[in-house]
Amino acid sequence: MDNTLINKSLEKSIAYSAYRKLIKELLIQEKSTGFEQTEDLFNYSILNDKRMDRLDKTLKISEETQNSINSLKKDFTFLVIAEGWCGDAAQIVPILNKIGEASAKIDLKIVLRDENPELMDQYLTNGSKSIPKIIILDNENKVINSWGPRPSIATKMVLDYKEQNGSLDADFKTKLQIWYNKDKGANTQEDLLKLLKVS
């Protein structure tokens, strides 16, 4: 893939602290991130902001994750496509931040989906603009791998539910959030460590 798009996206990217600040500032104006502004997206954003506040305080990375990232020989950038209204992003991006904080070898950068359509179009999931999407880059900003929008166990839950019920409904979304709360980021850490070991 052409590196120009990645470099342009990195130039527009923001740190996690700036992402959280942006979401909070928009909420004061009764807005969500993204071009589409609806009452539902605003309400999701309020809920997700509270979720991220809680996760920022309570999330801990595992000993295995810490040991693995301590042994990294190379530098990596996690370029993440997200939006403040996205429930999966609210559960996953705080974990990525904790991993980034725990290692000088990992730099977390965030871009908003709606402001980066070209990048999003390169990382579709089954043809859809599902987020969060994590693009793992090496120290020359070459793409090593990508991951998302959900950890492997949650992905299987989604596929199984769709097979049985045709589509995802409010009931499933509640079940998924309960799973995220119980999992505490463990599955996301496992998935990402596998990708970093491969590289």
N, C-alpha and C. Protein backbone atom coordinates (compact mmCIF):
# COMPACT_ATOMS: atom_id res chain seq x y z
N MET A 1 0.83 -1.21 0.00
CA MET A 1 0.00 0.00 0.00
C MET A 1 0.87 1.26 0.00
N ASP A 2 0.41 2.26 -0.68
CA ASP A 2 1.15 3.52 -0.77
C ASP A 2 1.29 4.15 0.62
N ASN A 3 2.52 4.48 0.96
CA ASN A 3 2.81 5.06 2.29
C ASN A 3 2.30 6.49 2.45
N THR A 4 2.03 7.16 1.32
CA THR A 4 1.62 8.56 1.36
C THR A 4 0.36 8.73 2.20
N LEU A 5 -0.61 7.84 2.00
CA LEU A 5 -1.88 7.92 2.73
C LEU A 5 -1.64 7.75 4.24
N ILE A 6 -0.81 6.79 4.59
CA ILE A 6 -0.49 6.55 6.01
C ILE A 6 0.18 7.79 6.60
N ASN A 7 1.16 8.34 5.88
CA ASN A 7 1.88 9.53 6.39
C ASN A 7 0.94 10.72 6.55
N LYS A 8 0.05 10.90 5.58
CA LYS A 8 -0.94 12.00 5.66
C LYS A 8 -1.86 11.80 6.86
N SER A 9 -2.26 10.56 7.08
CA SER A 9 -3.14 10.24 8.21
C SER A 9 -2.43 10.47 9.54
N LEU A 10 -1.16 10.11 9.60
CA LEU A 10 -0.38 10.32 10.83
C LEU A 10 -0.25 11.81 11.15
N GLU A 11 -0.10 12.60 10.10
CA GLU A 11 0.01 14.06 10.30
C GLU A 11 -1.26 14.64 10.92
N LYS A 12 -2.40 14.04 10.58
CA LYS A 12 -3.70 14.52 11.09
C LYS A 12 -4.07 13.88 12.42
N SER A 13 -3.29 12.88 12.85
CA SER A 13 -3.67 12.10 14.02
C SER A 13 -3.47 12.87 15.32
N ILE A 14 -4.17 12.40 16.37
CA ILE A 14 -4.06 13.03 17.69
C ILE A 14 -3.75 11.96 18.74
N ALA A 15 -3.21 12.41 19.86
CA ALA A 15 -2.93 11.50 20.98
C ALA A 15 -4.23 11.15 21.69
N TYR A 16 -4.17 10.13 22.52
CA TYR A 16 -5.36 9.69 23.26
C TYR A 16 -5.93 10.81 24.14
N SER A 17 -5.06 11.54 24.82
CA SER A 17 -5.52 12.62 25.71
C SER A 17 -6.29 13.68 24.91
N ALA A 18 -5.81 13.98 23.69
CA ALA A 18 -6.48 14.97 22.83
C ALA A 18 -7.82 14.42 22.32
N TYR A 19 -7.87 13.13 22.06
CA TYR A 19 -9.11 12.46 21.62
C TYR A 19 -10.18 12.55 22.71
N ARG A 20 -9.78 12.25 23.94
CA ARG A 20 -10.72 12.32 25.07
C ARG A 20 -11.19 13.76 25.30
N LYS A 21 -10.27 14.71 25.18
CA LYS A 21 -10.59 16.12 25.37
C LYS A 21 -11.58 16.59 24.29
N LEU A 22 -11.33 16.18 23.05
CA LEU A 22 -12.21 16.54 21.93
C LEU A 22 -13.63 16.04 22.17
N ILE A 23 -13.76 14.78 22.59
CA ILE A 23 -15.08 14.19 22.85
C ILE A 23 -15.81 14.99 23.92
N LYS A 24 -15.10 15.30 25.01
CA LYS A 24 -15.72 16.04 26.13
C LYS A 24 -16.14 17.46 25.70
N GLU A 25 -15.30 18.11 24.90
CA GLU A 25 -15.63 19.47 24.43
C GLU A 25 -16.86 19.45 23.52
N LEU A 26 -16.96 18.44 22.67
CA LEU A 26 -18.12 18.32 21.79
C LEU A 26 -19.39 18.01 22.59
N LEU A 27 -19.26 17.19 23.62
CA LEU A 27 -20.43 16.85 24.44
C LEU A 27 -21.01 18.09 25.12
N ILE A 28 -20.14 19.01 25.53
CA ILE A 28 -20.61 20.28 26.13
C ILE A 28 -21.48 21.04 25.13
N GLN A 29 -21.12 20.91 23.84
CA GLN A 29 -21.90 21.57 22.77
C GLN A 29 -23.07 20.69 22.29
N GLU A 30 -23.30 19.58 23.02
CA GLU A 30 -24.34 18.61 22.65
C GLU A 30 -24.11 18.02 21.27
N LYS A 31 -22.86 17.69 21.01
CA LYS A 31 -22.48 17.09 19.72
C LYS A 31 -21.68 15.81 19.97
N SER A 32 -21.65 14.98 18.93
CA SER A 32 -20.77 13.81 18.93
C SER A 32 -19.67 14.07 17.90
N THR A 33 -18.64 13.22 17.88
CA THR A 33 -17.66 13.32 16.79
C THR A 33 -18.35 12.84 15.51
N GLY A 34 -17.76 13.13 14.37
CA GLY A 34 -18.31 12.67 13.11
C GLY A 34 -19.21 13.70 12.45
N PHE A 35 -19.47 13.47 11.17
CA PHE A 35 -20.27 14.43 10.39
C PHE A 35 -21.75 14.33 10.68
N GLU A 36 -22.21 13.11 10.99
CA GLU A 36 -23.64 12.91 11.26
C GLU A 36 -23.92 13.28 12.72
N GLN A 37 -24.91 14.11 12.94
CA GLN A 37 -25.28 14.51 14.30
C GLN A 37 -26.73 14.10 14.55
N THR A 38 -26.91 13.11 15.44
CA THR A 38 -28.26 12.70 15.81
C THR A 38 -28.34 12.58 17.32
N GLU A 39 -29.55 12.55 17.82
CA GLU A 39 -29.74 12.40 19.27
C GLU A 39 -29.17 11.08 19.75
N ASP A 40 -29.36 10.01 18.96
CA ASP A 40 -28.83 8.69 19.33
C ASP A 40 -27.31 8.71 19.45
N LEU A 41 -26.65 9.28 18.43
CA LEU A 41 -25.18 9.32 18.45
C LEU A 41 -24.66 10.16 19.63
N PHE A 42 -25.37 11.24 19.93
CA PHE A 42 -25.01 12.08 21.07
C PHE A 42 -25.15 11.28 22.38
N ASN A 43 -26.27 10.56 22.50
CA ASN A 43 -26.50 9.76 23.71
C ASN A 43 -25.46 8.63 23.85
N TYR A 44 -25.12 7.99 22.73
CA TYR A 44 -24.07 6.96 22.77
C TYR A 44 -22.75 7.58 23.22
N SER A 45 -22.48 8.79 22.73
CA SER A 45 -21.22 9.47 23.07
C SER A 45 -21.12 9.77 24.56
N ILE A 46 -22.25 10.19 25.15
CA ILE A 46 -22.28 10.45 26.60
C ILE A 46 -21.94 9.16 27.36
N LEU A 47 -22.62 8.08 26.96
CA LEU A 47 -22.42 6.78 27.60
C LEU A 47 -20.97 6.31 27.44
N ASN A 48 -20.44 6.44 26.23
CA ASN A 48 -19.08 5.98 25.95
C ASN A 48 -18.03 6.82 26.67
N ASP A 49 -18.29 8.11 26.82
CA ASP A 49 -17.37 8.97 27.55
C ASP A 49 -17.25 8.50 29.01
N LYS A 50 -18.40 8.14 29.59
CA LYS A 50 -18.41 7.61 30.98
C LYS A 50 -17.68 6.28 31.04
N ARG A 51 -17.92 5.44 30.03
CA ARG A 51 -17.23 4.14 29.97
C ARG A 51 -15.72 4.34 29.94
N MET A 52 -15.27 5.26 29.07
CA MET A 52 -13.82 5.49 28.95
C MET A 52 -13.24 6.08 30.22
N ASP A 53 -13.99 6.96 30.88
CA ASP A 53 -13.54 7.48 32.18
C ASP A 53 -13.29 6.33 33.15
N ARG A 54 -14.27 5.41 33.19
CA ARG A 54 -14.16 4.27 34.12
C ARG A 54 -12.98 3.37 33.74
N LEU A 55 -12.86 3.08 32.46
CA LEU A 55 -11.77 2.19 32.00
C LEU A 55 -10.40 2.82 32.22
N ASP A 56 -10.30 4.13 32.01
CA ASP A 56 -9.03 4.82 32.25
C ASP A 56 -8.58 4.65 33.71
N LYS A 57 -9.56 4.61 34.60
CA LYS A 57 -9.24 4.47 36.04
C LYS A 57 -8.98 3.02 36.44
N THR A 58 -9.74 2.09 35.85
CA THR A 58 -9.72 0.72 36.37
C THR A 58 -8.92 -0.29 35.55
N LEU A 59 -8.72 -0.03 34.28
CA LEU A 59 -8.05 -1.01 33.42
C LEU A 59 -6.60 -1.23 33.80
N LYS A 60 -6.21 -2.51 33.78
CA LYS A 60 -4.79 -2.83 33.99
C LYS A 60 -4.38 -3.83 32.91
N ILE A 61 -3.19 -3.65 32.41
CA ILE A 61 -2.72 -4.65 31.43
C ILE A 61 -2.15 -5.84 32.21
N SER A 62 -2.20 -6.99 31.59
CA SER A 62 -1.77 -8.22 32.27
C SER A 62 -0.25 -8.28 32.36
N GLU A 63 0.19 -9.14 33.25
CA GLU A 63 1.64 -9.36 33.42
C GLU A 63 2.25 -9.88 32.12
N GLU A 64 1.50 -10.77 31.47
CA GLU A 64 1.97 -11.34 30.20
C GLU A 64 2.15 -10.24 29.15
N THR A 65 1.17 -9.33 29.08
CA THR A 65 1.26 -8.21 28.13
C THR A 65 2.48 -7.35 28.45
N GLN A 66 2.66 -7.03 29.73
CA GLN A 66 3.80 -6.20 30.14
C GLN A 66 5.12 -6.86 29.77
N ASN A 67 5.24 -8.16 30.04
CA ASN A 67 6.47 -8.89 29.71
C ASN A 67 6.71 -8.91 28.21
N SER A 68 5.64 -9.11 27.45
CA SER A 68 5.77 -9.17 25.98
C SER A 68 6.20 -7.82 25.41
N ILE A 69 5.58 -6.74 25.88
CA ILE A 69 5.95 -5.44 25.31
C ILE A 69 7.32 -4.97 25.82
N ASN A 70 7.72 -5.47 26.99
CA ASN A 70 9.07 -5.17 27.48
C ASN A 70 10.14 -5.79 26.59
N SER A 71 9.78 -6.92 25.94
CA SER A 71 10.77 -7.62 25.12
C SER A 71 10.75 -7.19 23.65
N LEU A 72 9.91 -6.20 23.32
CA LEU A 72 9.87 -5.72 21.92
C LEU A 72 11.21 -5.12 21.53
N LYS A 73 11.69 -5.52 20.36
CA LYS A 73 12.99 -5.01 19.87
C LYS A 73 12.80 -3.78 18.97
N LYS A 74 11.59 -3.69 18.37
CA LYS A 74 11.34 -2.60 17.41
C LYS A 74 10.27 -1.65 17.94
N ASP A 75 10.22 -0.48 17.32
CA ASP A 75 9.17 0.49 17.65
C ASP A 75 7.96 0.27 16.75
N PHE A 76 6.77 0.50 17.31
CA PHE A 76 5.54 0.36 16.55
C PHE A 76 4.64 1.57 16.79
N THR A 77 3.81 1.85 15.80
CA THR A 77 2.74 2.84 15.97
C THR A 77 1.42 2.12 15.78
N PHE A 78 0.48 2.36 16.70
CA PHE A 78 -0.90 1.91 16.52
C PHE A 78 -1.67 3.11 15.99
N LEU A 79 -2.01 3.09 14.70
CA LEU A 79 -2.83 4.14 14.11
C LEU A 79 -4.28 3.65 14.15
N VAL A 80 -5.09 4.31 14.94
CA VAL A 80 -6.44 3.82 15.22
C VAL A 80 -7.50 4.72 14.57
N ILE A 81 -8.42 4.09 13.86
CA ILE A 81 -9.58 4.81 13.30
C ILE A 81 -10.73 4.61 14.28
N ALA A 82 -11.28 5.70 14.80
CA ALA A 82 -12.33 5.60 15.81
C ALA A 82 -13.30 6.78 15.71
N GLU A 83 -14.35 6.74 16.51
CA GLU A 83 -15.28 7.86 16.72
C GLU A 83 -15.80 7.76 18.15
N GLY A 84 -16.15 8.89 18.74
CA GLY A 84 -16.59 8.91 20.13
C GLY A 84 -17.90 8.20 20.40
N TRP A 85 -18.75 8.04 19.36
CA TRP A 85 -20.06 7.41 19.55
C TRP A 85 -20.01 5.88 19.47
N CYS A 86 -18.87 5.34 19.09
CA CYS A 86 -18.75 3.89 18.83
C CYS A 86 -18.51 3.11 20.13
N GLY A 87 -19.44 2.19 20.44
CA GLY A 87 -19.35 1.39 21.66
C GLY A 87 -18.13 0.49 21.71
N ASP A 88 -17.77 -0.13 20.57
CA ASP A 88 -16.58 -0.99 20.55
C ASP A 88 -15.31 -0.16 20.78
N ALA A 89 -15.26 1.01 20.14
CA ALA A 89 -14.08 1.88 20.32
C ALA A 89 -13.92 2.31 21.78
N ALA A 90 -15.06 2.58 22.44
CA ALA A 90 -15.01 3.01 23.85
C ALA A 90 -14.42 1.93 24.74
N GLN A 91 -14.61 0.67 24.36
CA GLN A 91 -14.07 -0.44 25.15
C GLN A 91 -12.61 -0.74 24.79
N ILE A 92 -12.23 -0.50 23.54
CA ILE A 92 -10.91 -0.95 23.05
C ILE A 92 -9.83 0.12 23.11
N VAL A 93 -10.17 1.36 22.74
CA VAL A 93 -9.13 2.41 22.66
C VAL A 93 -8.47 2.67 24.03
N PRO A 94 -9.21 2.66 25.16
CA PRO A 94 -8.53 2.82 26.45
C PRO A 94 -7.49 1.72 26.74
N ILE A 95 -7.74 0.49 26.26
CA ILE A 95 -6.76 -0.59 26.44
C ILE A 95 -5.51 -0.29 25.62
N LEU A 96 -5.72 0.16 24.39
CA LEU A 96 -4.57 0.52 23.54
C LEU A 96 -3.75 1.61 24.19
N ASN A 97 -4.44 2.56 24.83
CA ASN A 97 -3.74 3.64 25.53
C ASN A 97 -2.90 3.09 26.68
N LYS A 98 -3.46 2.14 27.43
CA LYS A 98 -2.71 1.53 28.55
C LYS A 98 -1.47 0.80 28.04
N ILE A 99 -1.62 0.10 26.90
CA ILE A 99 -0.48 -0.61 26.31
C ILE A 99 0.59 0.41 25.87
N GLY A 100 0.13 1.49 25.24
CA GLY A 100 1.05 2.54 24.80
C GLY A 100 1.77 3.21 25.96
N GLU A 101 1.04 3.42 27.06
CA GLU A 101 1.65 4.03 28.25
C GLU A 101 2.68 3.12 28.90
N ALA A 102 2.48 1.81 28.75
CA ALA A 102 3.35 0.83 29.40
C ALA A 102 4.62 0.54 28.61
N SER A 103 4.72 1.06 27.39
CA SER A 103 5.90 0.78 26.57
C SER A 103 6.32 1.99 25.74
N ALA A 104 7.59 2.32 25.83
CA ALA A 104 8.15 3.40 25.01
C ALA A 104 8.25 2.98 23.55
N LYS A 105 8.05 1.68 23.30
CA LYS A 105 8.16 1.14 21.93
C LYS A 105 6.85 1.26 21.15
N ILE A 106 5.76 1.63 21.83
CA ILE A 106 4.45 1.71 21.15
C ILE A 106 3.89 3.11 21.26
N ASP A 107 3.57 3.67 20.11
CA ASP A 107 3.01 5.02 20.04
C ASP A 107 1.57 4.92 19.53
N LEU A 108 0.63 5.47 20.29
CA LEU A 108 -0.78 5.42 19.90
C LEU A 108 -1.21 6.73 19.25
N LYS A 109 -1.75 6.62 18.05
CA LYS A 109 -2.25 7.78 17.30
C LYS A 109 -3.69 7.50 16.87
N ILE A 110 -4.55 8.51 16.95
CA ILE A 110 -5.96 8.30 16.63
C ILE A 110 -6.42 9.27 15.54
N VAL A 111 -7.18 8.73 14.59
CA VAL A 111 -7.84 9.58 13.59
C VAL A 111 -9.33 9.27 13.61
N LEU A 112 -10.13 10.26 13.25
CA LEU A 112 -11.58 10.06 13.21
C LEU A 112 -11.99 9.49 11.86
N ARG A 113 -12.90 8.54 11.91
CA ARG A 113 -13.32 7.84 10.69
C ARG A 113 -13.86 8.79 9.63
N ASP A 114 -14.80 9.65 10.02
CA ASP A 114 -15.49 10.48 9.02
C ASP A 114 -14.57 11.50 8.36
N GLU A 115 -13.50 11.86 9.08
CA GLU A 115 -12.56 12.84 8.51
C GLU A 115 -11.47 12.18 7.67
N ASN A 116 -11.46 10.85 7.65
CA ASN A 116 -10.42 10.11 6.93
C ASN A 116 -11.02 9.00 6.08
N PRO A 117 -11.92 9.37 5.13
CA PRO A 117 -12.61 8.35 4.33
C PRO A 117 -11.68 7.50 3.48
N GLU A 118 -10.62 8.12 2.97
CA GLU A 118 -9.67 7.38 2.12
C GLU A 118 -9.01 6.25 2.90
N LEU A 119 -8.58 6.58 4.12
CA LEU A 119 -7.93 5.58 4.97
C LEU A 119 -8.94 4.50 5.36
N MET A 120 -10.13 4.92 5.76
CA MET A 120 -11.16 3.96 6.16
C MET A 120 -11.47 2.98 5.04
N ASP A 121 -11.54 3.50 3.81
CA ASP A 121 -11.87 2.65 2.66
C ASP A 121 -10.82 1.56 2.42
N GLN A 122 -9.60 1.78 2.90
CA GLN A 122 -8.54 0.77 2.75
C GLN A 122 -8.66 -0.33 3.80
N TYR A 123 -9.44 -0.07 4.85
CA TYR A 123 -9.50 -1.02 5.98
C TYR A 123 -10.93 -1.39 6.35
N LEU A 124 -11.71 -1.69 5.32
CA LEU A 124 -13.10 -2.11 5.54
C LEU A 124 -13.14 -3.53 6.13
N THR A 125 -14.19 -3.82 6.86
CA THR A 125 -14.42 -5.17 7.39
C THR A 125 -15.65 -5.72 6.68
N ASN A 126 -15.46 -6.74 5.86
CA ASN A 126 -16.55 -7.31 5.06
C ASN A 126 -17.34 -6.20 4.33
N GLY A 127 -16.61 -5.23 3.80
CA GLY A 127 -17.23 -4.16 3.02
C GLY A 127 -17.82 -3.03 3.84
N SER A 128 -17.75 -3.12 5.18
CA SER A 128 -18.35 -2.05 6.00
C SER A 128 -17.28 -1.24 6.74
N LYS A 129 -17.65 0.00 7.08
CA LYS A 129 -16.70 0.92 7.73
C LYS A 129 -16.69 0.72 9.24
N SER A 130 -16.51 -0.53 9.65
CA SER A 130 -16.55 -0.87 11.07
C SER A 130 -15.32 -0.35 11.80
N ILE A 131 -15.57 0.20 12.99
CA ILE A 131 -14.48 0.73 13.82
C ILE A 131 -14.64 0.20 15.24
N PRO A 132 -13.55 0.23 16.04
CA PRO A 132 -12.24 0.77 15.73
C PRO A 132 -11.45 -0.17 14.81
N LYS A 133 -10.55 0.42 14.06
CA LYS A 133 -9.64 -0.35 13.22
C LYS A 133 -8.23 0.08 13.62
N ILE A 134 -7.40 -0.87 13.97
CA ILE A 134 -6.03 -0.56 14.40
C ILE A 134 -5.08 -0.97 13.28
N ILE A 135 -4.32 -0.01 12.79
CA ILE A 135 -3.32 -0.28 11.75
C ILE A 135 -1.96 -0.26 12.44
N ILE A 136 -1.27 -1.39 12.40
CA ILE A 136 0.02 -1.50 13.10
C ILE A 136 1.14 -1.18 12.12
N LEU A 137 1.93 -0.18 12.49
CA LEU A 137 3.01 0.31 11.63
C LEU A 137 4.37 0.04 12.27
N ASP A 138 5.38 -0.16 11.42
CA ASP A 138 6.75 -0.29 11.95
C ASP A 138 7.37 1.10 12.07
N ASN A 139 8.67 1.13 12.39
CA ASN A 139 9.31 2.44 12.63
C ASN A 139 9.53 3.25 11.35
N GLU A 140 9.23 2.65 10.20
CA GLU A 140 9.28 3.41 8.93
C GLU A 140 7.87 3.71 8.43
N ASN A 141 6.91 3.52 9.31
CA ASN A 141 5.47 3.74 9.01
C ASN A 141 4.94 2.83 7.91
N LYS A 142 5.57 1.64 7.79
CA LYS A 142 5.04 0.63 6.86
C LYS A 142 4.00 -0.20 7.61
N VAL A 143 2.93 -0.55 6.91
CA VAL A 143 1.86 -1.32 7.53
C VAL A 143 2.31 -2.77 7.70
N ILE A 144 2.26 -3.23 8.96
CA ILE A 144 2.62 -4.62 9.27
C ILE A 144 1.36 -5.48 9.30
N ASN A 145 0.31 -4.91 9.88
CA ASN A 145 -0.93 -5.66 10.05
C ASN A 145 -2.05 -4.71 10.42
N SER A 146 -3.27 -5.21 10.41
CA SER A 146 -4.39 -4.42 10.93
C SER A 146 -5.28 -5.34 11.74
N TRP A 147 -6.08 -4.73 12.61
CA TRP A 147 -6.89 -5.50 13.56
C TRP A 147 -8.16 -4.72 13.87
N GLY A 148 -9.21 -5.44 14.18
CA GLY A 148 -10.46 -4.78 14.56
C GLY A 148 -11.58 -5.22 13.64
N PRO A 149 -12.78 -4.80 13.94
CA PRO A 149 -13.18 -3.82 14.93
C PRO A 149 -13.38 -4.37 16.34
N ARG A 150 -13.30 -5.72 16.47
CA ARG A 150 -13.53 -6.31 17.80
C ARG A 150 -12.51 -7.40 18.07
N PRO A 151 -12.28 -7.70 19.37
CA PRO A 151 -11.41 -8.84 19.68
C PRO A 151 -12.03 -10.15 19.20
N SER A 152 -11.20 -11.19 19.10
CA SER A 152 -11.61 -12.44 18.45
C SER A 152 -12.85 -13.09 19.09
N ILE A 153 -12.95 -13.09 20.42
CA ILE A 153 -14.11 -13.73 21.06
C ILE A 153 -15.39 -12.95 20.72
N ALA A 154 -15.32 -11.62 20.80
CA ALA A 154 -16.48 -10.77 20.47
C ALA A 154 -16.86 -10.92 19.00
N THR A 155 -15.88 -11.07 18.13
CA THR A 155 -16.14 -11.26 16.70
C THR A 155 -16.94 -12.55 16.48
N LYS A 156 -16.54 -13.61 17.19
CA LYS A 156 -17.27 -14.89 17.08
C LYS A 156 -18.70 -14.74 17.63
N MET A 157 -18.85 -14.01 18.73
CA MET A 157 -20.19 -13.77 19.29
C MET A 157 -21.09 -13.07 18.26
N VAL A 158 -20.53 -12.08 17.56
CA VAL A 158 -21.28 -11.33 16.54
C VAL A 158 -21.69 -12.26 15.39
N LEU A 159 -20.74 -13.04 14.89
CA LEU A 159 -21.02 -13.94 13.76
C LEU A 159 -22.07 -14.98 14.14
N ASP A 160 -21.94 -15.56 15.33
CA ASP A 160 -22.90 -16.58 15.79
C ASP A 160 -24.30 -15.98 15.92
N TYR A 161 -24.38 -14.79 16.48
CA TYR A 161 -25.68 -14.15 16.70
C TYR A 161 -26.34 -13.79 15.36
N LYS A 162 -25.53 -13.29 14.43
CA LYS A 162 -26.07 -12.95 13.10
C LYS A 162 -26.58 -14.19 12.38
N GLU A 163 -25.87 -15.29 12.54
CA GLU A 163 -26.27 -16.55 11.90
C GLU A 163 -27.63 -17.02 12.43
N GLN A 164 -27.82 -16.86 13.75
CA GLN A 164 -29.06 -17.32 14.37
C GLN A 164 -30.22 -16.33 14.19
N ASN A 165 -29.90 -15.03 14.21
CA ASN A 165 -30.97 -14.02 14.27
C ASN A 165 -31.03 -13.07 13.06
N GLY A 166 -30.08 -13.20 12.15
CA GLY A 166 -30.10 -12.35 10.96
C GLY A 166 -29.38 -11.03 11.12
N SER A 167 -29.56 -10.36 12.25
CA SER A 167 -28.87 -9.08 12.46
C SER A 167 -28.68 -8.84 13.96
N LEU A 168 -27.89 -7.82 14.28
CA LEU A 168 -27.62 -7.48 15.68
C LEU A 168 -28.71 -6.54 16.18
N ASP A 169 -29.24 -6.84 17.35
CA ASP A 169 -30.28 -5.98 17.93
C ASP A 169 -29.81 -5.41 19.27
N ALA A 170 -30.68 -4.65 19.90
CA ALA A 170 -30.34 -4.00 21.18
C ALA A 170 -29.98 -5.02 22.25
N ASP A 171 -30.68 -6.16 22.22
CA ASP A 171 -30.43 -7.23 23.20
C ASP A 171 -28.99 -7.74 23.08
N PHE A 172 -28.57 -7.96 21.82
CA PHE A 172 -27.19 -8.44 21.62
C PHE A 172 -26.18 -7.39 22.06
N LYS A 173 -26.44 -6.12 21.71
CA LYS A 173 -25.50 -5.05 22.06
C LYS A 173 -25.31 -4.96 23.58
N THR A 174 -26.38 -5.20 24.33
CA THR A 174 -26.27 -5.23 25.80
C THR A 174 -25.39 -6.40 26.23
N LYS A 175 -25.63 -7.59 25.63
CA LYS A 175 -24.83 -8.78 25.95
C LYS A 175 -23.34 -8.53 25.66
N LEU A 176 -23.09 -7.87 24.53
CA LEU A 176 -21.71 -7.60 24.13
C LEU A 176 -21.02 -6.67 25.15
N GLN A 177 -21.73 -5.64 25.61
CA GLN A 177 -21.14 -4.72 26.60
C GLN A 177 -20.88 -5.45 27.92
N ILE A 178 -21.76 -6.37 28.29
CA ILE A 178 -21.55 -7.17 29.51
C ILE A 178 -20.29 -8.02 29.35
N TRP A 179 -20.13 -8.62 28.15
CA TRP A 179 -18.93 -9.41 27.89
C TRP A 179 -17.67 -8.54 28.01
N TYR A 180 -17.69 -7.36 27.38
CA TYR A 180 -16.53 -6.45 27.46
C TYR A 180 -16.20 -6.14 28.93
N ASN A 181 -17.22 -5.87 29.74
CA ASN A 181 -17.00 -5.52 31.14
C ASN A 181 -16.34 -6.67 31.91
N LYS A 182 -16.77 -7.90 31.59
CA LYS A 182 -16.18 -9.08 32.28
C LYS A 182 -14.77 -9.37 31.77
N ASP A 183 -14.58 -9.18 30.47
CA ASP A 183 -13.28 -9.52 29.85
C ASP A 183 -12.16 -8.56 30.28
N LYS A 184 -12.51 -7.32 30.57
CA LYS A 184 -11.54 -6.30 31.04
C LYS A 184 -10.33 -6.15 30.12
N GLY A 185 -10.59 -6.29 28.81
CA GLY A 185 -9.51 -6.05 27.84
C GLY A 185 -8.55 -7.19 27.63
N ALA A 186 -8.78 -8.34 28.29
CA ALA A 186 -7.84 -9.47 28.18
C ALA A 186 -7.75 -10.01 26.76
N ASN A 187 -8.90 -10.20 26.09
CA ASN A 187 -8.91 -10.76 24.74
C ASN A 187 -8.24 -9.81 23.73
N THR A 188 -8.48 -8.51 23.90
CA THR A 188 -7.83 -7.51 23.03
C THR A 188 -6.31 -7.58 23.18
N GLN A 189 -5.85 -7.68 24.42
CA GLN A 189 -4.40 -7.77 24.67
C GLN A 189 -3.82 -9.02 24.02
N GLU A 190 -4.50 -10.16 24.18
CA GLU A 190 -4.02 -11.43 23.59
C GLU A 190 -3.92 -11.31 22.07
N ASP A 191 -4.97 -10.78 21.45
CA ASP A 191 -4.98 -10.64 19.98
C ASP A 191 -3.82 -9.77 19.50
N LEU A 192 -3.63 -8.63 20.15
CA LEU A 192 -2.59 -7.69 19.71
C LEU A 192 -1.19 -8.25 19.93
N LEU A 193 -0.99 -8.96 21.04
CA LEU A 193 0.33 -9.55 21.31
C LEU A 193 0.69 -10.56 20.22
N LYS A 194 -0.31 -11.33 19.77
CA LYS A 194 -0.06 -12.29 18.68
C LYS A 194 0.42 -11.56 17.44
N LEU A 195 -0.22 -10.43 17.12
CA LEU A 195 0.16 -9.66 15.92
C LEU A 195 1.57 -9.08 16.05
N LEU A 196 1.90 -8.61 17.25
CA LEU A 196 3.23 -8.02 17.46
C LEU A 196 4.32 -9.10 17.42
N LYS A 197 3.98 -10.32 17.89
CA LYS A 197 4.95 -11.42 17.86
C LYS A 197 5.23 -11.86 16.43
N VAL A 198 4.19 -11.81 15.61
CA VAL A 198 4.33 -12.22 14.21
C VAL A 198 5.27 -11.28 13.46
N SER A 199 5.21 -9.99 13.82
CA SER A 199 5.96 -8.98 13.05
C SER A 199 7.46 -9.05 13.32
